[in-house]
């Protein structure tokens, strides 16, 4: 009798499917591990689960704050949708419950990823065009500045020009000296 140390794998027990696309949409390894954990916990009929930040953190080795940060990132990428839940205490008071996570279809997240990449490329191309135009106009401005004729000053010394600009004020000052003296 031969001894088989590995048990036969059952397709419906103790396994869950992870879409291949998560590796091609620019996800961080922490996002992937959080997403995989949520897939593991989800109800296959409703695509929802209710794990707490604390349980998620224990399972994948993150703090609760880090879990919250990466939950928001997964929401921004369109992979999950979260809703707050309300539970009642024994004395009837409503309390905040865990978040309800709804796993969204991966196709929407892939399309959103490609849309973001396309938008970034358009912004980059527009920035490049603006830089070229700016370089072209600044070169023209420098050339115009070099070819502009110099203007001659009307007064021979800068202090005379200043006094001429304040002429009426100086006359007022002289009149007050005459009245005082």
N, C-alpha and C. Protein backbone atom coordinates (compact mmCIF):
# COMPACT_ATOMS: atom_id res chain seq x y z
N UNK A 1 0.84 -1.16 0.00
CA UNK A 1 0.00 0.00 0.00
C UNK A 1 0.90 1.24 0.00
N UNK A 2 0.63 2.15 -0.95
CA UNK A 2 1.43 3.37 -1.01
C UNK A 2 0.73 4.47 -0.22
N UNK A 3 1.54 5.25 0.42
CA UNK A 3 1.01 6.33 1.24
C UNK A 3 1.13 7.64 0.46
N UNK A 4 0.02 8.32 0.27
CA UNK A 4 0.01 9.61 -0.43
C UNK A 4 -0.08 10.71 0.63
N UNK A 5 0.96 11.48 0.76
CA UNK A 5 0.95 12.49 1.81
C UNK A 5 0.14 13.73 1.43
N UNK A 6 -0.15 13.96 0.18
CA UNK A 6 -0.96 15.10 -0.26
C UNK A 6 -2.39 14.64 -0.53
N UNK A 7 -3.34 15.34 0.04
CA UNK A 7 -4.73 14.98 -0.21
C UNK A 7 -5.15 15.48 -1.59
N UNK A 8 -6.14 14.84 -2.12
CA UNK A 8 -6.65 15.23 -3.43
C UNK A 8 -7.39 16.56 -3.29
N UNK A 9 -7.15 17.46 -4.23
CA UNK A 9 -7.77 18.78 -4.16
C UNK A 9 -9.19 18.75 -4.71
N UNK A 10 -10.07 19.36 -3.95
CA UNK A 10 -11.45 19.47 -4.38
C UNK A 10 -11.67 20.88 -4.92
N UNK A 11 -12.28 20.98 -6.08
CA UNK A 11 -12.47 22.28 -6.73
C UNK A 11 -13.46 23.17 -5.97
N UNK A 12 -14.39 22.57 -5.22
CA UNK A 12 -15.38 23.41 -4.55
C UNK A 12 -15.11 23.63 -3.07
N UNK A 13 -14.12 22.98 -2.49
CA UNK A 13 -13.84 23.15 -1.07
C UNK A 13 -12.49 23.81 -0.86
N UNK A 14 -12.45 24.77 0.07
CA UNK A 14 -11.22 25.41 0.52
C UNK A 14 -10.43 26.15 -0.56
N UNK A 15 -11.06 26.52 -1.62
CA UNK A 15 -10.40 27.27 -2.68
C UNK A 15 -11.31 28.38 -3.16
N UNK A 16 -10.72 29.42 -3.68
CA UNK A 16 -11.49 30.50 -4.28
C UNK A 16 -10.73 30.99 -5.51
N UNK A 17 -11.46 31.58 -6.41
CA UNK A 17 -10.87 32.04 -7.68
C UNK A 17 -10.43 33.50 -7.55
N UNK A 18 -9.26 33.80 -8.10
CA UNK A 18 -8.76 35.17 -8.17
C UNK A 18 -8.58 35.48 -9.65
N UNK A 19 -9.18 36.56 -10.13
CA UNK A 19 -9.06 36.89 -11.55
C UNK A 19 -7.62 37.23 -11.93
N UNK A 20 -7.20 36.77 -13.09
CA UNK A 20 -5.84 37.04 -13.57
C UNK A 20 -5.60 38.52 -13.82
N UNK A 21 -6.65 39.27 -14.11
CA UNK A 21 -6.51 40.69 -14.47
C UNK A 21 -5.95 41.55 -13.35
N UNK A 22 -6.04 41.10 -12.09
CA UNK A 22 -5.54 41.94 -11.00
C UNK A 22 -4.03 42.14 -11.10
N UNK A 23 -3.36 41.28 -11.83
CA UNK A 23 -1.92 41.41 -11.98
C UNK A 23 -1.55 42.35 -13.13
N UNK A 24 -2.52 42.79 -13.90
CA UNK A 24 -2.21 43.66 -15.05
C UNK A 24 -2.82 45.05 -14.94
N UNK A 25 -3.40 45.39 -13.78
CA UNK A 25 -4.02 46.72 -13.66
C UNK A 25 -3.30 47.61 -12.66
N UNK A 26 -2.03 47.32 -12.42
CA UNK A 26 -1.21 48.21 -11.61
C UNK A 26 -1.51 48.18 -10.13
N UNK A 27 -1.83 47.01 -9.60
CA UNK A 27 -2.14 46.90 -8.17
C UNK A 27 -0.89 46.63 -7.36
N UNK A 28 -0.81 47.24 -6.20
CA UNK A 28 0.25 47.02 -5.22
C UNK A 28 0.04 45.64 -4.58
N UNK A 29 1.10 45.01 -4.08
CA UNK A 29 0.96 43.69 -3.48
C UNK A 29 0.03 43.70 -2.26
N UNK A 30 -0.02 44.84 -1.54
CA UNK A 30 -0.93 44.93 -0.40
C UNK A 30 -2.38 45.00 -0.87
N UNK A 31 -2.61 45.68 -1.98
CA UNK A 31 -3.96 45.73 -2.54
C UNK A 31 -4.38 44.34 -3.01
N UNK A 32 -3.45 43.63 -3.63
CA UNK A 32 -3.76 42.28 -4.11
C UNK A 32 -4.09 41.36 -2.94
N UNK A 33 -3.31 41.43 -1.86
CA UNK A 33 -3.59 40.54 -0.72
C UNK A 33 -4.92 40.89 -0.06
N UNK A 34 -5.24 42.17 0.05
CA UNK A 34 -6.52 42.58 0.62
C UNK A 34 -7.67 42.12 -0.28
N UNK A 35 -7.52 42.32 -1.57
CA UNK A 35 -8.56 41.90 -2.53
C UNK A 35 -8.76 40.39 -2.47
N UNK A 36 -7.66 39.64 -2.41
CA UNK A 36 -7.76 38.18 -2.33
C UNK A 36 -8.46 37.76 -1.04
N UNK A 37 -8.16 38.43 0.06
CA UNK A 37 -8.83 38.10 1.33
C UNK A 37 -10.33 38.35 1.23
N UNK A 38 -10.70 39.47 0.63
CA UNK A 38 -12.13 39.77 0.48
C UNK A 38 -12.81 38.74 -0.43
N UNK A 39 -12.11 38.30 -1.47
CA UNK A 39 -12.66 37.25 -2.33
C UNK A 39 -12.85 35.95 -1.55
N UNK A 40 -11.91 35.67 -0.67
CA UNK A 40 -12.00 34.46 0.15
C UNK A 40 -13.23 34.51 1.06
N UNK A 41 -13.52 35.69 1.59
CA UNK A 41 -14.63 35.84 2.55
C UNK A 41 -15.99 36.01 1.89
N UNK A 42 -16.03 36.36 0.64
CA UNK A 42 -17.31 36.73 0.02
C UNK A 42 -18.28 35.56 -0.08
N UNK A 43 -19.56 35.90 -0.02
CA UNK A 43 -20.63 34.95 -0.30
C UNK A 43 -20.71 34.84 -1.81
N UNK A 44 -20.58 33.65 -2.36
CA UNK A 44 -20.52 33.46 -3.82
C UNK A 44 -21.84 33.80 -4.52
N UNK A 45 -22.92 33.87 -3.78
CA UNK A 45 -24.21 34.20 -4.37
C UNK A 45 -24.46 35.71 -4.38
N UNK A 46 -24.09 36.40 -3.29
CA UNK A 46 -24.38 37.84 -3.19
C UNK A 46 -23.16 38.71 -3.48
N UNK A 47 -21.98 38.11 -3.56
CA UNK A 47 -20.70 38.82 -3.78
C UNK A 47 -20.42 39.83 -2.67
N UNK A 48 -20.87 39.54 -1.46
CA UNK A 48 -20.68 40.44 -0.33
C UNK A 48 -20.02 39.71 0.84
N UNK A 49 -19.35 40.50 1.69
CA UNK A 49 -18.77 39.96 2.92
C UNK A 49 -18.70 41.08 3.95
N UNK A 50 -18.46 40.71 5.22
CA UNK A 50 -18.52 41.67 6.32
C UNK A 50 -17.31 41.60 7.27
N UNK A 51 -16.11 41.34 6.83
CA UNK A 51 -15.01 41.25 7.80
C UNK A 51 -14.66 42.63 8.37
N UNK A 52 -14.18 42.63 9.60
CA UNK A 52 -13.78 43.89 10.23
C UNK A 52 -12.34 44.22 9.82
N UNK A 53 -11.96 45.48 10.00
CA UNK A 53 -10.58 45.88 9.73
C UNK A 53 -9.62 45.06 10.59
N UNK A 54 -10.03 44.79 11.80
CA UNK A 54 -9.17 44.04 12.72
C UNK A 54 -8.92 42.62 12.21
N UNK A 55 -9.98 41.93 11.77
CA UNK A 55 -9.83 40.56 11.26
C UNK A 55 -9.02 40.54 9.96
N UNK A 56 -9.28 41.50 9.11
CA UNK A 56 -8.52 41.57 7.86
C UNK A 56 -7.03 41.78 8.18
N UNK A 57 -6.76 42.73 9.08
CA UNK A 57 -5.39 43.04 9.45
C UNK A 57 -4.66 41.84 10.03
N UNK A 58 -5.33 41.07 10.90
CA UNK A 58 -4.71 39.87 11.48
C UNK A 58 -4.39 38.86 10.39
N UNK A 59 -5.31 38.70 9.45
CA UNK A 59 -5.14 37.67 8.42
C UNK A 59 -4.05 37.99 7.42
N UNK A 60 -3.90 39.26 7.07
CA UNK A 60 -2.91 39.59 6.02
C UNK A 60 -1.73 40.38 6.53
N UNK A 61 -1.65 40.59 7.85
CA UNK A 61 -0.48 41.22 8.45
C UNK A 61 -0.39 42.72 8.25
N UNK A 62 -1.50 43.41 8.43
CA UNK A 62 -1.53 44.86 8.32
C UNK A 62 -2.21 45.45 9.56
N UNK A 63 -1.89 46.70 9.84
CA UNK A 63 -2.59 47.39 10.91
C UNK A 63 -3.98 47.79 10.41
N UNK A 64 -4.84 48.15 11.33
CA UNK A 64 -6.21 48.54 10.96
C UNK A 64 -6.21 49.79 10.09
N UNK A 65 -5.34 50.76 10.40
CA UNK A 65 -5.26 51.98 9.60
C UNK A 65 -4.78 51.68 8.18
N UNK A 66 -3.83 50.77 8.06
CA UNK A 66 -3.33 50.40 6.73
C UNK A 66 -4.41 49.68 5.94
N UNK A 67 -5.16 48.82 6.61
CA UNK A 67 -6.28 48.14 5.95
C UNK A 67 -7.26 49.18 5.43
N UNK A 68 -7.61 50.17 6.25
CA UNK A 68 -8.55 51.21 5.83
C UNK A 68 -8.03 51.96 4.62
N UNK A 69 -6.73 52.24 4.61
CA UNK A 69 -6.12 52.95 3.49
C UNK A 69 -6.25 52.15 2.19
N UNK A 70 -5.96 50.85 2.26
CA UNK A 70 -6.01 50.03 1.05
C UNK A 70 -7.44 49.68 0.65
N UNK A 71 -8.38 49.69 1.58
CA UNK A 71 -9.79 49.53 1.22
C UNK A 71 -10.22 50.72 0.36
N UNK A 72 -9.82 51.93 0.77
CA UNK A 72 -10.15 53.12 -0.03
C UNK A 72 -9.52 53.04 -1.42
N UNK A 73 -8.30 52.53 -1.50
CA UNK A 73 -7.64 52.40 -2.80
C UNK A 73 -8.39 51.42 -3.70
N UNK A 74 -8.84 50.30 -3.13
CA UNK A 74 -9.60 49.34 -3.92
C UNK A 74 -10.92 49.94 -4.38
N UNK A 75 -11.52 50.76 -3.53
CA UNK A 75 -12.75 51.45 -3.93
C UNK A 75 -12.47 52.41 -5.08
N UNK A 76 -11.38 53.17 -4.98
CA UNK A 76 -11.03 54.12 -6.03
C UNK A 76 -10.78 53.41 -7.36
N UNK A 77 -10.26 52.21 -7.30
CA UNK A 77 -9.98 51.46 -8.53
C UNK A 77 -11.22 50.75 -9.05
N UNK A 78 -12.30 50.78 -8.31
CA UNK A 78 -13.56 50.19 -8.77
C UNK A 78 -13.65 48.69 -8.55
N UNK A 79 -12.80 48.13 -7.69
CA UNK A 79 -12.84 46.69 -7.45
C UNK A 79 -13.86 46.30 -6.39
N UNK A 80 -14.11 47.19 -5.45
CA UNK A 80 -15.07 46.90 -4.38
C UNK A 80 -15.95 48.13 -4.14
N UNK A 81 -17.04 47.88 -3.47
CA UNK A 81 -17.94 48.94 -3.03
C UNK A 81 -18.23 48.67 -1.56
N UNK A 82 -18.13 49.69 -0.72
CA UNK A 82 -18.38 49.48 0.70
C UNK A 82 -19.59 50.29 1.16
N UNK A 83 -20.28 49.75 2.15
CA UNK A 83 -21.41 50.42 2.77
C UNK A 83 -21.32 50.22 4.28
N UNK A 84 -21.61 51.24 5.06
CA UNK A 84 -21.63 51.04 6.51
C UNK A 84 -22.87 50.23 6.90
N UNK A 85 -22.75 49.48 7.97
CA UNK A 85 -23.89 48.72 8.48
C UNK A 85 -24.19 49.18 9.90
N UNK A 86 -25.40 48.95 10.34
CA UNK A 86 -25.85 49.31 11.68
C UNK A 86 -26.26 48.02 12.40
N UNK A 87 -25.79 47.87 13.61
CA UNK A 87 -26.21 46.73 14.45
C UNK A 87 -26.85 47.30 15.70
N UNK A 88 -27.68 46.48 16.35
CA UNK A 88 -28.32 46.93 17.58
C UNK A 88 -27.67 46.24 18.77
N UNK A 89 -27.42 47.05 19.80
CA UNK A 89 -26.86 46.48 21.03
C UNK A 89 -27.96 45.74 21.78
N UNK A 90 -27.58 45.06 22.85
CA UNK A 90 -28.58 44.30 23.63
C UNK A 90 -29.65 45.19 24.23
N UNK A 91 -29.30 46.44 24.53
CA UNK A 91 -30.29 47.34 25.09
C UNK A 91 -31.05 48.11 24.00
N UNK A 92 -30.85 47.79 22.73
CA UNK A 92 -31.63 48.37 21.65
C UNK A 92 -31.02 49.59 20.98
N UNK A 93 -29.84 50.03 21.43
CA UNK A 93 -29.20 51.20 20.81
C UNK A 93 -28.56 50.81 19.48
N UNK A 94 -28.68 51.68 18.47
CA UNK A 94 -28.01 51.39 17.20
C UNK A 94 -26.51 51.70 17.31
N UNK A 95 -25.68 50.80 16.81
CA UNK A 95 -24.23 50.97 16.80
C UNK A 95 -23.70 50.75 15.38
N UNK A 96 -22.55 51.32 15.12
CA UNK A 96 -21.91 51.08 13.83
C UNK A 96 -21.41 49.65 13.77
N UNK A 97 -21.70 48.99 12.65
CA UNK A 97 -21.22 47.62 12.43
C UNK A 97 -20.02 47.64 11.50
N UNK A 98 -19.63 46.48 11.04
CA UNK A 98 -18.55 46.38 10.07
C UNK A 98 -19.03 46.90 8.72
N UNK A 99 -18.09 47.19 7.87
CA UNK A 99 -18.45 47.58 6.51
C UNK A 99 -18.96 46.36 5.75
N UNK A 100 -19.89 46.60 4.84
CA UNK A 100 -20.35 45.56 3.93
C UNK A 100 -19.56 45.76 2.63
N UNK A 101 -18.76 44.79 2.27
CA UNK A 101 -17.94 44.86 1.06
C UNK A 101 -18.67 44.13 -0.05
N UNK A 102 -18.85 44.79 -1.17
CA UNK A 102 -19.42 44.16 -2.35
C UNK A 102 -18.32 44.09 -3.39
N UNK A 103 -18.00 42.89 -3.82
CA UNK A 103 -16.95 42.69 -4.83
C UNK A 103 -17.57 42.97 -6.19
N UNK A 104 -17.00 43.92 -6.90
CA UNK A 104 -17.53 44.31 -8.20
C UNK A 104 -16.87 43.50 -9.31
N UNK A 105 -17.51 43.41 -10.47
CA UNK A 105 -16.91 42.67 -11.59
C UNK A 105 -15.56 43.29 -12.01
N UNK A 106 -14.61 42.44 -12.29
CA UNK A 106 -13.26 42.89 -12.60
C UNK A 106 -13.19 43.66 -13.92
N UNK A 107 -14.10 43.40 -14.84
CA UNK A 107 -14.06 44.07 -16.15
C UNK A 107 -14.19 45.58 -16.01
N UNK A 108 -15.03 46.03 -15.08
CA UNK A 108 -15.18 47.47 -14.87
C UNK A 108 -13.89 48.11 -14.38
N UNK A 109 -13.18 47.41 -13.49
CA UNK A 109 -11.91 47.92 -12.97
C UNK A 109 -10.85 47.96 -14.07
N UNK A 110 -10.84 46.95 -14.94
CA UNK A 110 -9.87 46.92 -16.04
C UNK A 110 -10.14 48.08 -17.00
N UNK A 111 -11.40 48.30 -17.33
CA UNK A 111 -11.74 49.42 -18.22
C UNK A 111 -11.37 50.76 -17.59
N UNK A 112 -11.64 50.91 -16.30
CA UNK A 112 -11.29 52.16 -15.61
C UNK A 112 -9.78 52.36 -15.59
N UNK A 113 -9.01 51.28 -15.42
CA UNK A 113 -7.55 51.36 -15.42
C UNK A 113 -7.05 51.84 -16.79
N UNK A 114 -7.58 51.27 -17.86
CA UNK A 114 -7.15 51.68 -19.20
C UNK A 114 -7.59 53.11 -19.50
N UNK A 115 -8.75 53.50 -19.00
CA UNK A 115 -9.23 54.88 -19.18
C UNK A 115 -8.29 55.86 -18.47
N UNK A 116 -7.88 55.53 -17.25
CA UNK A 116 -6.94 56.38 -16.52
C UNK A 116 -5.61 56.49 -17.25
N UNK A 117 -5.12 55.38 -17.77
CA UNK A 117 -3.86 55.40 -18.52
C UNK A 117 -4.00 56.26 -19.77
N UNK A 118 -5.12 56.14 -20.47
CA UNK A 118 -5.34 56.93 -21.68
C UNK A 118 -5.38 58.42 -21.34
N UNK A 119 -6.08 58.78 -20.25
CA UNK A 119 -6.16 60.17 -19.82
C UNK A 119 -4.78 60.71 -19.44
N UNK A 120 -3.97 59.91 -18.77
CA UNK A 120 -2.62 60.33 -18.41
C UNK A 120 -1.76 60.56 -19.65
N UNK A 121 -1.92 59.72 -20.65
CA UNK A 121 -1.16 59.90 -21.89
C UNK A 121 -1.59 61.17 -22.62
N UNK A 122 -2.89 61.46 -22.62
CA UNK A 122 -3.37 62.69 -23.25
C UNK A 122 -2.82 63.92 -22.51
N UNK A 123 -2.83 63.88 -21.18
CA UNK A 123 -2.29 64.99 -20.39
C UNK A 123 -0.80 65.17 -20.65
N UNK A 124 -0.08 64.06 -20.75
CA UNK A 124 1.36 64.12 -21.02
C UNK A 124 1.61 64.74 -22.39
N UNK A 125 0.83 64.32 -23.40
CA UNK A 125 1.00 64.87 -24.74
C UNK A 125 0.67 66.37 -24.76
N UNK A 126 -0.37 66.78 -24.06
CA UNK A 126 -0.73 68.20 -23.99
C UNK A 126 0.38 69.00 -23.29
N UNK A 127 0.95 68.43 -22.23
CA UNK A 127 2.04 69.10 -21.52
C UNK A 127 3.26 69.26 -22.43
N UNK A 128 3.55 68.23 -23.22
CA UNK A 128 4.68 68.30 -24.15
C UNK A 128 4.45 69.38 -25.21
N UNK A 129 3.22 69.45 -25.74
CA UNK A 129 2.91 70.49 -26.74
C UNK A 129 3.05 71.88 -26.13
N UNK A 130 2.58 72.05 -24.90
CA UNK A 130 2.67 73.36 -24.23
C UNK A 130 4.13 73.74 -23.99
N UNK A 131 4.97 72.78 -23.59
CA UNK A 131 6.38 73.06 -23.37
C UNK A 131 7.07 73.47 -24.67
N UNK A 132 6.73 72.79 -25.77
CA UNK A 132 7.32 73.16 -27.07
C UNK A 132 6.90 74.57 -27.46
N UNK A 133 5.62 74.89 -27.29
CA UNK A 133 5.11 76.22 -27.62
C UNK A 133 5.76 77.28 -26.75
N UNK A 134 5.93 77.00 -25.46
CA UNK A 134 6.57 77.92 -24.54
C UNK A 134 8.03 78.15 -24.93
N UNK A 135 8.73 77.10 -25.29
CA UNK A 135 10.13 77.24 -25.71
C UNK A 135 10.22 78.06 -26.99
N UNK A 136 9.29 77.85 -27.89
CA UNK A 136 9.29 78.58 -29.16
C UNK A 136 9.03 80.07 -28.91
N UNK A 137 8.03 80.40 -28.07
CA UNK A 137 7.71 81.80 -27.82
C UNK A 137 8.79 82.48 -26.99
N UNK A 138 9.41 81.77 -26.06
CA UNK A 138 10.47 82.40 -25.27
C UNK A 138 11.69 82.68 -26.14
N UNK A 139 11.97 81.80 -27.12
CA UNK A 139 13.09 82.07 -28.04
C UNK A 139 12.78 83.30 -28.89
N UNK A 140 11.54 83.44 -29.32
CA UNK A 140 11.14 84.60 -30.11
C UNK A 140 11.22 85.87 -29.26
N UNK A 141 10.79 85.79 -27.99
CA UNK A 141 10.85 86.96 -27.10
C UNK A 141 12.28 87.41 -26.88
N UNK A 142 13.21 86.46 -26.73
CA UNK A 142 14.61 86.82 -26.55
C UNK A 142 15.15 87.51 -27.79
N UNK A 143 14.75 87.02 -28.95
CA UNK A 143 15.22 87.62 -30.20
C UNK A 143 14.65 89.03 -30.36
N UNK A 144 13.40 89.23 -30.01
CA UNK A 144 12.78 90.56 -30.09
C UNK A 144 13.47 91.51 -29.12
N UNK A 145 13.77 91.02 -27.90
CA UNK A 145 14.42 91.86 -26.90
C UNK A 145 15.81 92.28 -27.35
N UNK A 146 16.53 91.42 -28.06
CA UNK A 146 17.86 91.76 -28.53
C UNK A 146 17.81 92.78 -29.66
N UNK A 147 16.77 92.75 -30.46
CA UNK A 147 16.67 93.64 -31.61
C UNK A 147 15.95 94.95 -31.29
N UNK A 148 15.39 95.12 -30.11
CA UNK A 148 14.64 96.32 -29.76
C UNK A 148 15.59 97.51 -29.63
N UNK A 149 15.21 98.71 -30.14
CA UNK A 149 16.08 99.88 -30.02
C UNK A 149 16.09 100.40 -28.59
N UNK A 150 17.23 100.95 -28.18
CA UNK A 150 17.35 101.54 -26.85
C UNK A 150 16.71 102.91 -26.85
N UNK A 151 16.05 103.28 -25.73
CA UNK A 151 15.46 104.60 -25.61
C UNK A 151 16.40 105.48 -24.81
N UNK A 152 16.59 106.75 -25.26
CA UNK A 152 17.48 107.66 -24.56
C UNK A 152 16.72 108.31 -23.42
N UNK A 153 17.44 108.54 -22.33
CA UNK A 153 16.82 109.18 -21.17
C UNK A 153 16.69 110.68 -21.44
N UNK A 154 15.64 111.28 -20.91
CA UNK A 154 15.43 112.71 -21.12
C UNK A 154 16.25 113.55 -20.17
N UNK A 155 16.54 113.07 -18.98
CA UNK A 155 17.33 113.86 -18.03
C UNK A 155 18.73 113.27 -17.94
N UNK A 156 19.69 114.12 -17.58
CA UNK A 156 21.08 113.66 -17.55
C UNK A 156 21.39 112.89 -16.28
N UNK A 157 20.74 113.20 -15.17
CA UNK A 157 21.01 112.44 -13.96
C UNK A 157 19.70 111.89 -13.40
N UNK A 158 19.75 110.72 -12.77
CA UNK A 158 18.52 110.12 -12.26
C UNK A 158 17.88 110.95 -11.15
N UNK A 159 18.66 111.67 -10.34
CA UNK A 159 18.07 112.43 -9.24
C UNK A 159 17.26 113.61 -9.78
N UNK A 160 17.71 114.22 -10.90
CA UNK A 160 16.93 115.32 -11.48
C UNK A 160 15.60 114.82 -12.01
N UNK A 161 15.61 113.63 -12.52
CA UNK A 161 14.36 113.05 -13.02
C UNK A 161 13.38 112.82 -11.88
N UNK A 162 13.87 112.41 -10.73
CA UNK A 162 13.00 112.20 -9.58
C UNK A 162 12.43 113.51 -9.08
N UNK A 163 13.29 114.54 -8.98
CA UNK A 163 12.81 115.83 -8.51
C UNK A 163 11.79 116.42 -9.46
N UNK A 164 11.98 116.21 -10.74
CA UNK A 164 11.04 116.73 -11.72
C UNK A 164 9.68 116.05 -11.54
N UNK A 165 9.68 114.76 -11.16
CA UNK A 165 8.43 114.04 -10.95
C UNK A 165 7.70 114.52 -9.73
N UNK A 166 8.41 115.11 -8.76
CA UNK A 166 7.78 115.56 -7.53
C UNK A 166 7.76 117.09 -7.45
N UNK A 167 7.77 117.74 -8.58
CA UNK A 167 7.82 119.19 -8.64
C UNK A 167 6.74 119.88 -7.84
N UNK A 168 5.46 119.62 -8.02
CA UNK A 168 4.42 120.31 -7.27
C UNK A 168 4.54 120.07 -5.77
N UNK A 169 5.00 118.91 -5.36
CA UNK A 169 5.15 118.61 -3.96
C UNK A 169 6.27 119.45 -3.35
N UNK A 170 7.36 119.65 -4.08
CA UNK A 170 8.46 120.47 -3.59
C UNK A 170 8.04 121.92 -3.44
N UNK A 171 7.23 122.43 -4.35
CA UNK A 171 6.75 123.80 -4.26
C UNK A 171 5.89 123.98 -3.02
N UNK A 172 5.06 122.99 -2.70
CA UNK A 172 4.24 123.03 -1.50
C UNK A 172 5.12 123.11 -0.26
N UNK A 173 6.20 122.31 -0.26
CA UNK A 173 7.10 122.27 0.87
C UNK A 173 7.82 123.61 1.05
N UNK A 174 8.21 124.25 -0.04
CA UNK A 174 8.88 125.56 0.01
C UNK A 174 7.94 126.62 0.57
N UNK A 175 6.67 126.53 0.22
CA UNK A 175 5.69 127.54 0.71
C UNK A 175 5.52 127.42 2.22
N UNK A 176 5.50 126.19 2.74
CA UNK A 176 5.36 126.03 4.17
C UNK A 176 6.57 126.54 4.91
N UNK A 177 7.77 126.45 4.30
CA UNK A 177 8.98 126.98 4.91
C UNK A 177 8.88 128.51 4.99
N UNK A 178 8.38 129.15 3.94
CA UNK A 178 8.25 130.62 3.90
C UNK A 178 7.29 131.10 4.97
N UNK A 179 6.17 130.36 5.14
CA UNK A 179 5.17 130.74 6.15
C UNK A 179 5.74 130.60 7.55
N UNK A 180 6.52 129.57 7.77
CA UNK A 180 7.08 129.30 9.10
C UNK A 180 8.20 130.27 9.42
N UNK A 181 8.98 130.70 8.48
CA UNK A 181 10.17 131.45 8.74
C UNK A 181 10.11 132.88 8.56
